[in-house]
N, C-alpha and C. Protein backbone atom coordinates (compact mmCIF):
# COMPACT_ATOMS: atom_id res chain seq x y z
N MET A 1 -74.72 145.63 -11.93
CA MET A 1 -73.70 145.20 -12.87
C MET A 1 -72.69 144.28 -12.19
N LYS A 2 -72.25 144.66 -10.96
CA LYS A 2 -71.30 143.87 -10.22
C LYS A 2 -71.87 142.50 -9.88
N LEU A 3 -73.14 142.47 -9.50
CA LEU A 3 -73.80 141.23 -9.14
C LEU A 3 -73.89 140.29 -10.34
N ARG A 4 -74.13 140.84 -11.52
CA ARG A 4 -74.20 140.04 -12.73
C ARG A 4 -72.83 139.42 -13.04
N LYS A 5 -71.74 140.17 -12.86
CA LYS A 5 -70.39 139.65 -13.10
C LYS A 5 -70.06 138.53 -12.12
N ILE A 6 -70.47 138.68 -10.89
CA ILE A 6 -70.22 137.65 -9.88
C ILE A 6 -70.98 136.38 -10.24
N LYS A 7 -72.25 136.53 -10.64
CA LYS A 7 -73.03 135.37 -11.03
C LYS A 7 -72.42 134.68 -12.24
N LEU A 8 -72.02 135.47 -13.23
CA LEU A 8 -71.39 134.92 -14.43
C LEU A 8 -70.10 134.18 -14.07
N LEU A 9 -69.30 134.78 -13.21
CA LEU A 9 -68.06 134.14 -12.77
C LEU A 9 -68.35 132.84 -12.03
N ALA A 10 -69.38 132.84 -11.19
CA ALA A 10 -69.76 131.63 -10.45
C ALA A 10 -70.20 130.53 -11.41
N ILE A 11 -70.94 130.88 -12.45
CA ILE A 11 -71.38 129.89 -13.44
C ILE A 11 -70.18 129.33 -14.19
N VAL A 12 -69.26 130.20 -14.62
CA VAL A 12 -68.06 129.75 -15.34
C VAL A 12 -67.21 128.84 -14.46
N ILE A 13 -67.01 129.23 -13.21
CA ILE A 13 -66.21 128.41 -12.30
C ILE A 13 -66.88 127.07 -12.06
N SER A 14 -68.19 127.08 -11.85
CA SER A 14 -68.87 125.81 -11.58
C SER A 14 -68.86 124.91 -12.82
N PHE A 15 -68.95 125.49 -14.01
CA PHE A 15 -68.93 124.67 -15.22
C PHE A 15 -67.54 124.14 -15.52
N PHE A 16 -66.55 125.03 -15.59
CA PHE A 16 -65.20 124.61 -15.94
C PHE A 16 -64.41 124.14 -14.74
N GLY A 17 -64.61 124.76 -13.62
CA GLY A 17 -63.81 124.46 -12.44
C GLY A 17 -63.96 123.03 -11.96
N ILE A 18 -65.17 122.54 -11.96
CA ILE A 18 -65.39 121.19 -11.47
C ILE A 18 -64.72 120.17 -12.38
N THR A 19 -64.80 120.38 -13.69
CA THR A 19 -64.23 119.39 -14.60
C THR A 19 -62.73 119.53 -14.75
N SER A 20 -62.21 120.74 -14.80
CA SER A 20 -60.79 120.85 -15.07
C SER A 20 -59.91 120.88 -13.83
N PHE A 21 -60.49 121.19 -12.67
CA PHE A 21 -59.66 121.24 -11.48
C PHE A 21 -59.97 120.10 -10.51
N ALA A 22 -60.85 119.22 -10.92
CA ALA A 22 -61.21 118.10 -10.05
C ALA A 22 -60.01 117.18 -9.86
N CYS A 23 -59.79 116.82 -8.63
CA CYS A 23 -58.72 115.87 -8.38
C CYS A 23 -59.11 115.07 -7.14
N ALA A 24 -58.84 113.82 -7.24
CA ALA A 24 -59.11 112.95 -6.11
C ALA A 24 -58.19 111.76 -6.21
N GLN A 25 -57.79 111.31 -5.07
CA GLN A 25 -56.96 110.12 -5.04
C GLN A 25 -57.85 108.93 -5.35
N LYS A 26 -57.39 108.08 -6.27
CA LYS A 26 -58.19 106.93 -6.66
C LYS A 26 -57.35 105.68 -6.56
N SER A 27 -58.05 104.57 -6.39
CA SER A 27 -57.40 103.26 -6.32
C SER A 27 -57.32 102.65 -7.71
N TYR A 28 -56.16 102.10 -8.02
CA TYR A 28 -55.90 101.47 -9.32
C TYR A 28 -55.40 100.06 -9.08
N THR A 29 -55.62 99.19 -10.06
CA THR A 29 -55.09 97.83 -9.99
C THR A 29 -54.20 97.56 -11.20
N LEU A 30 -53.25 96.68 -11.00
CA LEU A 30 -52.31 96.31 -12.06
C LEU A 30 -53.03 95.42 -13.07
N ASP A 31 -52.92 95.74 -14.36
CA ASP A 31 -53.60 94.92 -15.35
C ASP A 31 -52.68 93.83 -15.90
N ASN A 32 -53.28 92.92 -16.67
CA ASN A 32 -52.52 91.77 -17.16
C ASN A 32 -51.66 92.07 -18.38
N LYS A 33 -51.57 93.33 -18.79
CA LYS A 33 -50.66 93.70 -19.87
C LYS A 33 -49.32 94.20 -19.32
N SER A 34 -49.18 94.19 -18.02
CA SER A 34 -47.93 94.61 -17.38
C SER A 34 -46.87 93.52 -17.58
N THR A 35 -45.62 93.95 -17.74
CA THR A 35 -44.54 92.99 -17.97
C THR A 35 -43.37 93.25 -17.03
N PHE A 36 -42.67 92.16 -16.73
CA PHE A 36 -41.50 92.19 -15.85
C PHE A 36 -40.40 91.40 -16.54
N SER A 37 -39.15 91.87 -16.43
CA SER A 37 -38.02 91.15 -17.01
C SER A 37 -36.84 91.19 -16.06
N VAL A 38 -36.05 90.12 -16.11
CA VAL A 38 -34.77 90.06 -15.41
C VAL A 38 -33.74 89.77 -16.48
N LEU A 39 -32.73 90.63 -16.57
CA LEU A 39 -31.68 90.46 -17.58
C LEU A 39 -30.34 90.25 -16.89
N GLY A 40 -29.52 89.38 -17.48
CA GLY A 40 -28.21 89.11 -16.92
C GLY A 40 -27.26 88.58 -17.97
N THR A 41 -26.10 88.20 -17.51
CA THR A 41 -25.06 87.68 -18.40
C THR A 41 -24.55 86.35 -17.87
N SER A 42 -23.87 85.63 -18.72
CA SER A 42 -23.18 84.41 -18.31
C SER A 42 -21.95 84.25 -19.19
N THR A 43 -21.13 83.27 -18.86
CA THR A 43 -19.95 83.02 -19.69
C THR A 43 -20.34 82.47 -21.05
N LEU A 44 -21.59 82.02 -21.21
CA LEU A 44 -22.06 81.48 -22.48
C LEU A 44 -22.78 82.53 -23.32
N HIS A 45 -23.69 83.30 -22.71
CA HIS A 45 -24.47 84.29 -23.45
C HIS A 45 -25.23 85.20 -22.47
N ASP A 46 -25.73 86.32 -23.00
CA ASP A 46 -26.63 87.17 -22.22
C ASP A 46 -27.99 86.45 -22.17
N TRP A 47 -28.76 86.72 -21.13
CA TRP A 47 -30.04 86.04 -20.99
C TRP A 47 -31.10 86.98 -20.45
N GLU A 48 -32.36 86.57 -20.65
CA GLU A 48 -33.50 87.33 -20.16
C GLU A 48 -34.60 86.36 -19.75
N MET A 49 -35.24 86.67 -18.65
CA MET A 49 -36.40 85.93 -18.18
C MET A 49 -37.55 86.93 -18.05
N LYS A 50 -38.78 86.48 -18.39
CA LYS A 50 -39.91 87.41 -18.43
C LYS A 50 -41.12 86.85 -17.70
N SER A 51 -41.99 87.77 -17.28
CA SER A 51 -43.27 87.40 -16.68
C SER A 51 -44.30 88.49 -16.98
N SER A 52 -45.55 88.08 -17.04
CA SER A 52 -46.65 89.05 -17.13
C SER A 52 -47.75 88.66 -16.14
N SER A 53 -47.33 88.05 -15.03
CA SER A 53 -48.29 87.51 -14.07
C SER A 53 -48.32 88.25 -12.74
N GLY A 54 -47.96 89.50 -12.73
CA GLY A 54 -47.96 90.24 -11.47
C GLY A 54 -49.34 90.71 -11.08
N THR A 55 -49.50 90.95 -9.78
CA THR A 55 -50.70 91.60 -9.26
C THR A 55 -50.25 92.82 -8.49
N GLY A 56 -51.12 93.80 -8.39
CA GLY A 56 -50.72 94.99 -7.66
C GLY A 56 -51.85 95.98 -7.50
N ALA A 57 -51.60 96.95 -6.65
CA ALA A 57 -52.56 98.01 -6.38
C ALA A 57 -51.80 99.31 -6.11
N ALA A 58 -52.46 100.41 -6.38
CA ALA A 58 -51.83 101.72 -6.15
C ALA A 58 -52.91 102.76 -5.91
N ASN A 59 -52.52 103.84 -5.25
CA ASN A 59 -53.37 105.02 -5.09
C ASN A 59 -52.63 106.20 -5.69
N PHE A 60 -53.23 106.80 -6.72
CA PHE A 60 -52.65 107.95 -7.41
C PHE A 60 -53.63 109.11 -7.36
N THR A 61 -53.08 110.32 -7.44
CA THR A 61 -53.90 111.50 -7.66
C THR A 61 -53.50 112.05 -9.02
N ILE A 62 -54.49 112.14 -9.91
CA ILE A 62 -54.27 112.70 -11.24
C ILE A 62 -55.14 113.94 -11.35
N THR A 63 -54.50 115.07 -11.62
CA THR A 63 -55.18 116.35 -11.71
C THR A 63 -54.90 116.96 -13.08
N ASN A 64 -55.94 117.34 -13.79
CA ASN A 64 -55.77 117.95 -15.12
C ASN A 64 -54.88 117.09 -16.01
N SER A 65 -55.13 115.79 -16.02
CA SER A 65 -54.37 114.83 -16.84
C SER A 65 -52.88 114.79 -16.49
N ARG A 66 -52.56 115.11 -15.24
CA ARG A 66 -51.17 115.04 -14.77
C ARG A 66 -51.12 114.29 -13.45
N LEU A 67 -50.13 113.44 -13.31
CA LEU A 67 -49.94 112.72 -12.06
C LEU A 67 -49.37 113.70 -11.04
N THR A 68 -50.08 113.90 -9.94
CA THR A 68 -49.63 114.86 -8.93
C THR A 68 -49.19 114.19 -7.64
N GLU A 69 -49.62 112.93 -7.43
CA GLU A 69 -49.21 112.25 -6.20
C GLU A 69 -49.28 110.74 -6.39
N ILE A 70 -48.27 110.05 -5.85
CA ILE A 70 -48.29 108.60 -5.75
C ILE A 70 -48.31 108.31 -4.26
N GLU A 71 -49.47 107.94 -3.78
CA GLU A 71 -49.66 107.73 -2.34
C GLU A 71 -49.19 106.33 -1.92
N SER A 72 -49.54 105.33 -2.71
CA SER A 72 -49.14 103.96 -2.39
C SER A 72 -49.00 103.16 -3.68
N LEU A 73 -48.19 102.11 -3.61
CA LEU A 73 -48.00 101.24 -4.76
C LEU A 73 -47.40 99.94 -4.25
N SER A 74 -47.98 98.82 -4.63
CA SER A 74 -47.41 97.53 -4.26
C SER A 74 -47.62 96.55 -5.41
N VAL A 75 -46.64 95.68 -5.58
CA VAL A 75 -46.68 94.68 -6.65
C VAL A 75 -46.20 93.36 -6.07
N VAL A 76 -46.87 92.28 -6.45
CA VAL A 76 -46.46 90.93 -6.07
C VAL A 76 -46.35 90.12 -7.35
N LEU A 77 -45.25 89.40 -7.49
CA LEU A 77 -44.98 88.60 -8.67
C LEU A 77 -44.60 87.20 -8.21
N SER A 78 -45.31 86.20 -8.70
CA SER A 78 -44.93 84.82 -8.40
C SER A 78 -43.55 84.56 -8.98
N ALA A 79 -42.61 84.15 -8.14
CA ALA A 79 -41.23 83.94 -8.60
C ALA A 79 -41.16 82.91 -9.72
N GLU A 80 -42.02 81.90 -9.67
CA GLU A 80 -41.97 80.86 -10.71
C GLU A 80 -42.75 81.23 -11.97
N SER A 81 -43.30 82.45 -12.01
CA SER A 81 -43.92 82.93 -13.26
C SER A 81 -42.86 83.51 -14.20
N ILE A 82 -41.67 83.75 -13.68
CA ILE A 82 -40.59 84.29 -14.50
C ILE A 82 -40.00 83.13 -15.30
N LYS A 83 -40.00 83.27 -16.62
CA LYS A 83 -39.56 82.17 -17.46
C LYS A 83 -38.57 82.64 -18.52
N SER A 84 -37.67 81.71 -18.88
CA SER A 84 -36.76 81.93 -20.00
C SER A 84 -37.24 81.05 -21.14
N GLU A 85 -36.41 80.86 -22.13
CA GLU A 85 -36.77 79.96 -23.23
C GLU A 85 -36.29 78.54 -22.96
N LYS A 86 -35.64 78.32 -21.81
CA LYS A 86 -35.09 77.00 -21.50
C LYS A 86 -35.53 76.57 -20.10
N LYS A 87 -36.17 75.41 -20.02
CA LYS A 87 -36.65 74.90 -18.73
C LYS A 87 -35.50 74.63 -17.77
N SER A 88 -34.34 74.21 -18.29
CA SER A 88 -33.21 73.95 -17.40
C SER A 88 -32.73 75.24 -16.74
N MET A 89 -32.77 76.34 -17.48
CA MET A 89 -32.39 77.63 -16.91
C MET A 89 -33.41 78.07 -15.87
N ASP A 90 -34.70 77.83 -16.15
CA ASP A 90 -35.75 78.19 -15.19
C ASP A 90 -35.53 77.45 -13.87
N LYS A 91 -35.22 76.18 -13.95
CA LYS A 91 -35.01 75.37 -12.74
C LYS A 91 -33.89 75.94 -11.89
N VAL A 92 -32.78 76.30 -12.53
CA VAL A 92 -31.64 76.89 -11.81
C VAL A 92 -32.04 78.23 -11.19
N ALA A 93 -32.80 79.02 -11.94
CA ALA A 93 -33.25 80.33 -11.44
C ALA A 93 -34.14 80.16 -10.21
N TYR A 94 -35.05 79.19 -10.24
CA TYR A 94 -35.96 78.98 -9.11
C TYR A 94 -35.20 78.50 -7.87
N GLU A 95 -34.17 77.70 -8.08
CA GLU A 95 -33.32 77.29 -6.95
C GLU A 95 -32.63 78.51 -6.34
N THR A 96 -32.12 79.38 -7.22
CA THR A 96 -31.44 80.59 -6.76
C THR A 96 -32.41 81.51 -6.02
N LEU A 97 -33.64 81.62 -6.50
CA LEU A 97 -34.66 82.46 -5.87
C LEU A 97 -35.29 81.81 -4.64
N LYS A 98 -34.90 80.56 -4.36
CA LYS A 98 -35.40 79.81 -3.19
C LYS A 98 -36.92 79.70 -3.21
N THR A 99 -37.47 79.38 -4.40
CA THR A 99 -38.93 79.35 -4.55
C THR A 99 -39.60 78.21 -3.78
N ASP A 100 -38.81 77.27 -3.27
CA ASP A 100 -39.43 76.23 -2.44
C ASP A 100 -39.99 76.84 -1.15
N LYS A 101 -39.39 77.96 -0.70
CA LYS A 101 -39.85 78.63 0.53
C LYS A 101 -40.32 80.06 0.27
N GLN A 102 -39.77 80.71 -0.73
CA GLN A 102 -40.08 82.12 -1.02
C GLN A 102 -40.82 82.18 -2.36
N LYS A 103 -42.11 82.10 -2.31
CA LYS A 103 -42.94 81.97 -3.52
C LYS A 103 -43.05 83.26 -4.33
N ASN A 104 -42.91 84.41 -3.67
CA ASN A 104 -43.18 85.68 -4.35
C ASN A 104 -42.01 86.65 -4.30
N ILE A 105 -41.99 87.51 -5.29
CA ILE A 105 -41.13 88.69 -5.33
C ILE A 105 -42.07 89.86 -5.07
N LYS A 106 -41.70 90.77 -4.18
CA LYS A 106 -42.62 91.85 -3.79
C LYS A 106 -41.93 93.22 -3.88
N TYR A 107 -42.77 94.21 -4.11
CA TYR A 107 -42.32 95.60 -4.05
C TYR A 107 -43.39 96.39 -3.30
N VAL A 108 -42.95 97.21 -2.33
CA VAL A 108 -43.87 98.09 -1.60
C VAL A 108 -43.24 99.48 -1.54
N LEU A 109 -43.97 100.46 -2.03
CA LEU A 109 -43.51 101.86 -2.05
C LEU A 109 -43.43 102.42 -0.64
N LYS A 110 -42.34 103.15 -0.37
CA LYS A 110 -42.20 103.88 0.90
C LYS A 110 -42.45 105.37 0.67
N SER A 111 -41.91 105.92 -0.44
CA SER A 111 -42.12 107.34 -0.75
C SER A 111 -41.92 107.58 -2.24
N ALA A 112 -42.50 108.68 -2.71
CA ALA A 112 -42.40 109.04 -4.13
C ALA A 112 -42.12 110.54 -4.23
N GLU A 113 -41.14 110.88 -5.04
CA GLU A 113 -40.78 112.29 -5.23
C GLU A 113 -40.82 112.62 -6.72
N LYS A 114 -41.56 113.67 -7.04
CA LYS A 114 -41.70 114.09 -8.43
C LYS A 114 -40.43 114.81 -8.87
N VAL A 115 -39.86 114.37 -10.00
CA VAL A 115 -38.68 115.01 -10.58
C VAL A 115 -39.11 116.04 -11.61
N ASN A 116 -40.01 115.64 -12.51
CA ASN A 116 -40.61 116.55 -13.49
C ASN A 116 -41.97 115.97 -13.89
N GLU A 117 -42.58 116.48 -14.93
CA GLU A 117 -43.94 116.07 -15.28
C GLU A 117 -44.10 114.57 -15.52
N THR A 118 -43.07 113.90 -16.01
CA THR A 118 -43.20 112.48 -16.33
C THR A 118 -42.20 111.59 -15.59
N THR A 119 -41.36 112.15 -14.76
CA THR A 119 -40.33 111.37 -14.08
C THR A 119 -40.51 111.47 -12.57
N TRP A 120 -40.46 110.33 -11.91
CA TRP A 120 -40.59 110.24 -10.46
C TRP A 120 -39.46 109.39 -9.91
N GLU A 121 -39.05 109.68 -8.70
CA GLU A 121 -38.09 108.83 -8.00
C GLU A 121 -38.84 108.12 -6.87
N LEU A 122 -38.92 106.80 -7.00
CA LEU A 122 -39.63 105.99 -6.02
C LEU A 122 -38.63 105.34 -5.08
N THR A 123 -38.92 105.36 -3.81
CA THR A 123 -38.14 104.63 -2.81
C THR A 123 -39.05 103.54 -2.26
N GLY A 124 -38.59 102.30 -2.37
CA GLY A 124 -39.44 101.22 -1.93
C GLY A 124 -38.65 100.00 -1.52
N THR A 125 -39.35 99.06 -0.93
CA THR A 125 -38.74 97.82 -0.45
C THR A 125 -38.99 96.71 -1.45
N TYR A 126 -37.89 96.18 -1.99
CA TYR A 126 -37.93 95.00 -2.84
C TYR A 126 -37.68 93.80 -1.93
N THR A 127 -38.47 92.74 -2.07
CA THR A 127 -38.23 91.50 -1.34
C THR A 127 -38.04 90.40 -2.39
N ILE A 128 -36.83 89.88 -2.44
CA ILE A 128 -36.46 88.84 -3.42
C ILE A 128 -35.75 87.73 -2.66
N ALA A 129 -36.16 86.49 -2.88
CA ALA A 129 -35.57 85.31 -2.22
C ALA A 129 -35.60 85.45 -0.70
N GLY A 130 -36.63 86.13 -0.20
CA GLY A 130 -36.80 86.28 1.24
C GLY A 130 -36.00 87.39 1.88
N VAL A 131 -35.24 88.15 1.09
CA VAL A 131 -34.43 89.24 1.61
C VAL A 131 -35.03 90.56 1.14
N SER A 132 -35.22 91.50 2.07
CA SER A 132 -35.79 92.80 1.75
C SER A 132 -34.70 93.87 1.73
N LYS A 133 -34.80 94.75 0.74
CA LYS A 133 -33.82 95.83 0.60
C LYS A 133 -34.55 97.06 0.06
N ILE A 134 -34.22 98.22 0.64
CA ILE A 134 -34.81 99.47 0.18
C ILE A 134 -33.93 100.02 -0.95
N LEU A 135 -34.58 100.31 -2.08
CA LEU A 135 -33.87 100.84 -3.25
C LEU A 135 -34.63 102.03 -3.82
N LYS A 136 -33.88 102.90 -4.48
CA LYS A 136 -34.49 104.01 -5.22
C LYS A 136 -34.59 103.59 -6.69
N THR A 137 -35.70 103.96 -7.31
CA THR A 137 -35.94 103.62 -8.70
C THR A 137 -36.48 104.85 -9.41
N THR A 138 -35.84 105.25 -10.50
CA THR A 138 -36.34 106.35 -11.30
C THR A 138 -37.29 105.75 -12.35
N VAL A 139 -38.51 106.31 -12.43
CA VAL A 139 -39.51 105.78 -13.35
C VAL A 139 -40.06 106.89 -14.24
N LYS A 140 -40.54 106.47 -15.40
CA LYS A 140 -41.24 107.36 -16.33
C LYS A 140 -42.72 107.03 -16.22
N THR A 141 -43.55 108.06 -16.14
CA THR A 141 -45.00 107.85 -16.02
C THR A 141 -45.72 108.45 -17.23
N THR A 142 -46.79 107.79 -17.64
CA THR A 142 -47.61 108.27 -18.74
C THR A 142 -49.07 108.06 -18.37
N ILE A 143 -49.87 109.12 -18.48
CA ILE A 143 -51.31 109.00 -18.26
C ILE A 143 -51.88 108.27 -19.47
N THR A 144 -52.71 107.26 -19.23
CA THR A 144 -53.36 106.51 -20.30
C THR A 144 -54.86 106.72 -20.23
N LYS A 145 -55.58 106.24 -21.23
CA LYS A 145 -57.04 106.41 -21.20
C LYS A 145 -57.67 105.64 -20.05
N ASP A 146 -57.00 104.57 -19.58
CA ASP A 146 -57.54 103.76 -18.50
C ASP A 146 -56.90 104.03 -17.14
N GLY A 147 -55.80 104.78 -17.10
CA GLY A 147 -55.13 105.01 -15.83
C GLY A 147 -53.72 105.57 -15.99
N LEU A 148 -52.73 104.74 -15.60
CA LEU A 148 -51.34 105.21 -15.57
C LEU A 148 -50.39 104.09 -15.94
N ASN A 149 -49.39 104.41 -16.76
CA ASN A 149 -48.31 103.48 -17.10
C ASN A 149 -47.04 103.95 -16.40
N ILE A 150 -46.33 103.00 -15.80
CA ILE A 150 -45.06 103.29 -15.12
C ILE A 150 -44.00 102.34 -15.68
N GLN A 151 -42.89 102.92 -16.16
CA GLN A 151 -41.79 102.12 -16.69
C GLN A 151 -40.50 102.48 -15.98
N GLY A 152 -39.68 101.46 -15.70
CA GLY A 152 -38.41 101.72 -15.06
C GLY A 152 -37.57 100.47 -14.98
N SER A 153 -36.42 100.62 -14.35
CA SER A 153 -35.52 99.48 -14.16
C SER A 153 -34.63 99.74 -12.95
N ASN A 154 -34.06 98.67 -12.44
CA ASN A 154 -33.13 98.74 -11.32
C ASN A 154 -31.97 97.80 -11.57
N LYS A 155 -30.79 98.23 -11.22
CA LYS A 155 -29.61 97.37 -11.28
C LYS A 155 -29.40 96.82 -9.87
N ILE A 156 -29.29 95.50 -9.79
CA ILE A 156 -29.02 94.84 -8.51
C ILE A 156 -27.95 93.77 -8.75
N THR A 157 -27.53 93.14 -7.67
CA THR A 157 -26.65 91.98 -7.78
C THR A 157 -27.29 90.82 -7.03
N PHE A 158 -26.84 89.61 -7.33
CA PHE A 158 -27.33 88.45 -6.60
C PHE A 158 -27.07 88.61 -5.10
N THR A 159 -25.87 89.08 -4.75
CA THR A 159 -25.51 89.18 -3.33
C THR A 159 -26.33 90.22 -2.59
N ASP A 160 -26.88 91.23 -3.29
CA ASP A 160 -27.76 92.21 -2.64
C ASP A 160 -28.91 91.52 -1.91
N PHE A 161 -29.35 90.39 -2.45
CA PHE A 161 -30.50 89.69 -1.90
C PHE A 161 -30.14 88.29 -1.38
N GLY A 162 -28.88 88.14 -0.98
CA GLY A 162 -28.45 86.90 -0.33
C GLY A 162 -28.44 85.68 -1.22
N MET A 163 -28.30 85.88 -2.52
CA MET A 163 -28.27 84.77 -3.47
C MET A 163 -26.86 84.58 -4.01
N LYS A 164 -26.57 83.36 -4.43
CA LYS A 164 -25.30 83.07 -5.11
C LYS A 164 -25.54 83.05 -6.61
N SER A 165 -24.57 83.54 -7.37
CA SER A 165 -24.69 83.49 -8.83
C SER A 165 -24.78 82.04 -9.26
N PRO A 166 -25.79 81.69 -10.05
CA PRO A 166 -25.94 80.30 -10.48
C PRO A 166 -24.82 79.86 -11.42
N THR A 167 -24.58 78.56 -11.40
CA THR A 167 -23.64 77.94 -12.35
C THR A 167 -24.33 76.74 -12.97
N ALA A 168 -23.81 76.27 -14.08
CA ALA A 168 -24.36 75.09 -14.75
C ALA A 168 -23.21 74.26 -15.32
N LEU A 169 -23.53 73.04 -15.70
CA LEU A 169 -22.56 72.11 -16.28
C LEU A 169 -21.28 72.04 -15.44
N LEU A 170 -21.49 71.69 -14.16
CA LEU A 170 -20.38 71.51 -13.21
C LEU A 170 -19.51 72.75 -13.09
N GLY A 171 -20.13 73.90 -13.18
CA GLY A 171 -19.40 75.15 -12.98
C GLY A 171 -18.74 75.71 -14.23
N THR A 172 -18.90 75.05 -15.38
CA THR A 172 -18.27 75.57 -16.60
C THR A 172 -19.00 76.80 -17.15
N ILE A 173 -20.30 76.91 -16.84
CA ILE A 173 -21.07 78.09 -17.24
C ILE A 173 -21.39 78.85 -15.96
N LYS A 174 -20.96 80.11 -15.91
CA LYS A 174 -21.16 80.94 -14.72
C LYS A 174 -21.99 82.17 -15.07
N THR A 175 -22.88 82.50 -14.18
CA THR A 175 -23.71 83.69 -14.35
C THR A 175 -22.99 84.89 -13.78
N GLY A 176 -23.08 86.03 -14.48
CA GLY A 176 -22.51 87.26 -13.96
C GLY A 176 -23.24 87.72 -12.72
N GLN A 177 -22.59 88.49 -11.88
CA GLN A 177 -23.15 88.95 -10.61
C GLN A 177 -24.25 90.01 -10.79
N ASP A 178 -24.17 90.80 -11.86
CA ASP A 178 -25.09 91.93 -12.06
C ASP A 178 -26.37 91.52 -12.77
N LEU A 179 -27.49 92.09 -12.30
CA LEU A 179 -28.80 91.85 -12.88
C LEU A 179 -29.48 93.19 -13.14
N THR A 180 -30.38 93.20 -14.11
CA THR A 180 -31.24 94.36 -14.35
C THR A 180 -32.68 93.91 -14.25
N LEU A 181 -33.44 94.56 -13.38
CA LEU A 181 -34.87 94.32 -13.27
C LEU A 181 -35.58 95.40 -14.07
N LYS A 182 -36.41 95.01 -15.03
CA LYS A 182 -37.16 95.98 -15.84
C LYS A 182 -38.65 95.72 -15.66
N PHE A 183 -39.42 96.80 -15.68
CA PHE A 183 -40.87 96.64 -15.55
C PHE A 183 -41.60 97.68 -16.37
N ASN A 184 -42.76 97.27 -16.85
CA ASN A 184 -43.67 98.13 -17.61
C ASN A 184 -45.05 97.86 -17.01
N LEU A 185 -45.49 98.75 -16.12
CA LEU A 185 -46.69 98.52 -15.32
C LEU A 185 -47.84 99.37 -15.81
N ASN A 186 -48.99 98.74 -16.01
CA ASN A 186 -50.21 99.45 -16.38
C ASN A 186 -51.20 99.35 -15.22
N PHE A 187 -51.51 100.48 -14.61
CA PHE A 187 -52.49 100.53 -13.54
C PHE A 187 -53.78 101.15 -14.08
N ASN A 188 -54.89 100.44 -13.88
CA ASN A 188 -56.19 100.90 -14.37
C ASN A 188 -57.17 101.07 -13.21
N LEU A 189 -58.17 101.92 -13.41
CA LEU A 189 -59.23 102.11 -12.41
C LEU A 189 -60.05 100.85 -12.27
């Protein structure tokens, strides 16, 4: 009788255990539905610049449809892929970002700490206009049918990354010092 229970338990564990407790770290890539935004203010109006041209890779462990570990994550965004609705504003932004020498904006994860089932605190290095700075970012994560979605934002200033606030029309229009970086990242297998 005992032997039969052990065999039955072994069959149940092998059937359900492999599928429901399986976990492995897997490599994911950033898909083309990911979006990036930079928001700011000026003496004329609030503004936003957007891009969906980032590339990236990450290693996640997802167990039982839950994110259990973020081992690595990196994103590269062409600085000149960020666009507004006005070419003159784009030109000023690219000068500020020093795109003649610094072609990319980069993020590389240093560590990830789970706050709760869907919230993580990421510590990583942002490199903007050739200046690198370590920042903490709180993100929301969602398991998708293809992988993982990560959404978050960071408040920075131009001076954090060695940039001067842009001006236009001989200084009559001035950009505010504060910026918000927003991202909606889709990582797929």
